[in-house]
């Protein structure tokens, strides 16, 4: 099997991740709820994951790492928690539905959003009621990376918050809250970070006042149990109920795996394969590629075949003796497809990562030759 769907979730996971998940299932209790051994081991592991994530993304404080079930969950905490009626925000023209849908829901309650195409246009759209810039670091359609450092500097110079969706960049591209002027970073654990599905994080910078973020869920935290209000301090304020201990254990192992080897080492196979597949796709006259990006970018390619629906191409790639795993359609990004002119039929997405091998380019090329006749 050739797995070219890393933008959806990474596969295979490093052996260390699988081992950590199983160990947590066998040897972890409910963290923060008691002082017996299994509960304490779970709490220590979770704090270790916070510390590893804070170091990885330059947050500084483990307590400002809030665990979520995925990046979408983190973005909802940020968007619904930060915005009030009368606020407006700026988003890029290629945002995922994880940003667009929460804002659409809030638009019925008096929140407005404007769409920018360039950093210069972003600056020109700032109004007195603009509260934040919210954008994906890298497009989930083409891998295009936005200049988040410049956008963050612009946001801060105008007194705005900077919220970044790192769904396609975390683990693939360097991201640092301080250097990139980010107030809130929303991260999935299961994509470029190589962790399990069901893991994600909202990470706040040291300079961001977390009291500005409304607490959206309330419940048990294991602390201040007699107080009817949620605890005032992070991370407990934003983590009601039992955390996904096995997923967090796997994420901690994944962060250690990447930290020991480095982002460049982990991503080199995917980058090389992307370049090789791109070279081969350009040989086919019926193939149309969209917005091909030079590095640095997320390792993604988007294309269509003339005279064929994207779903048909995807199904044919997945057939035969060796399955090639891709994704077709709209990839939860109507804004991006509108920008690219692919809204009518969608497109085929190839996304690469850890576990890929450059030799897979030839297998893909042969299958494409069969499909195109």
Foldseek 3Di string as FASTA:
>chain_A
DAEFALLVFDPDFPPLLVVLLVCLVVQADFALQDDDDRNPVLPVLLLLLLVLVCVQAVQPDSLQKAKFQFLLRLLLLVPVFQDAAQAEEEEELWDFCSNVVSQVVCVVRRYYYDYDHALVVVLVPDDPRYAAYEYEQAHSAAQDGHLQLVSLVSQVVVNHAYEYEDSQPVLQPRHYCVNSNHAWYKYGLGHNLSFDRRIIIIGGHPPHDCVSGHADDDADQSPPVVDPQFDPGGDRSNDHDTGPSSRSSSSSSSSVVCVVVDSCRFFVFLVLQLVLLVVLQVVDPQKDWFPHDDPPGASKTKIDGPPDAQVVVQVLCQDDPDGYHWDWDANSTCSNCVVRVNNVRTTIMGGGTGPHHNVVSVVSSVSVVVVVD
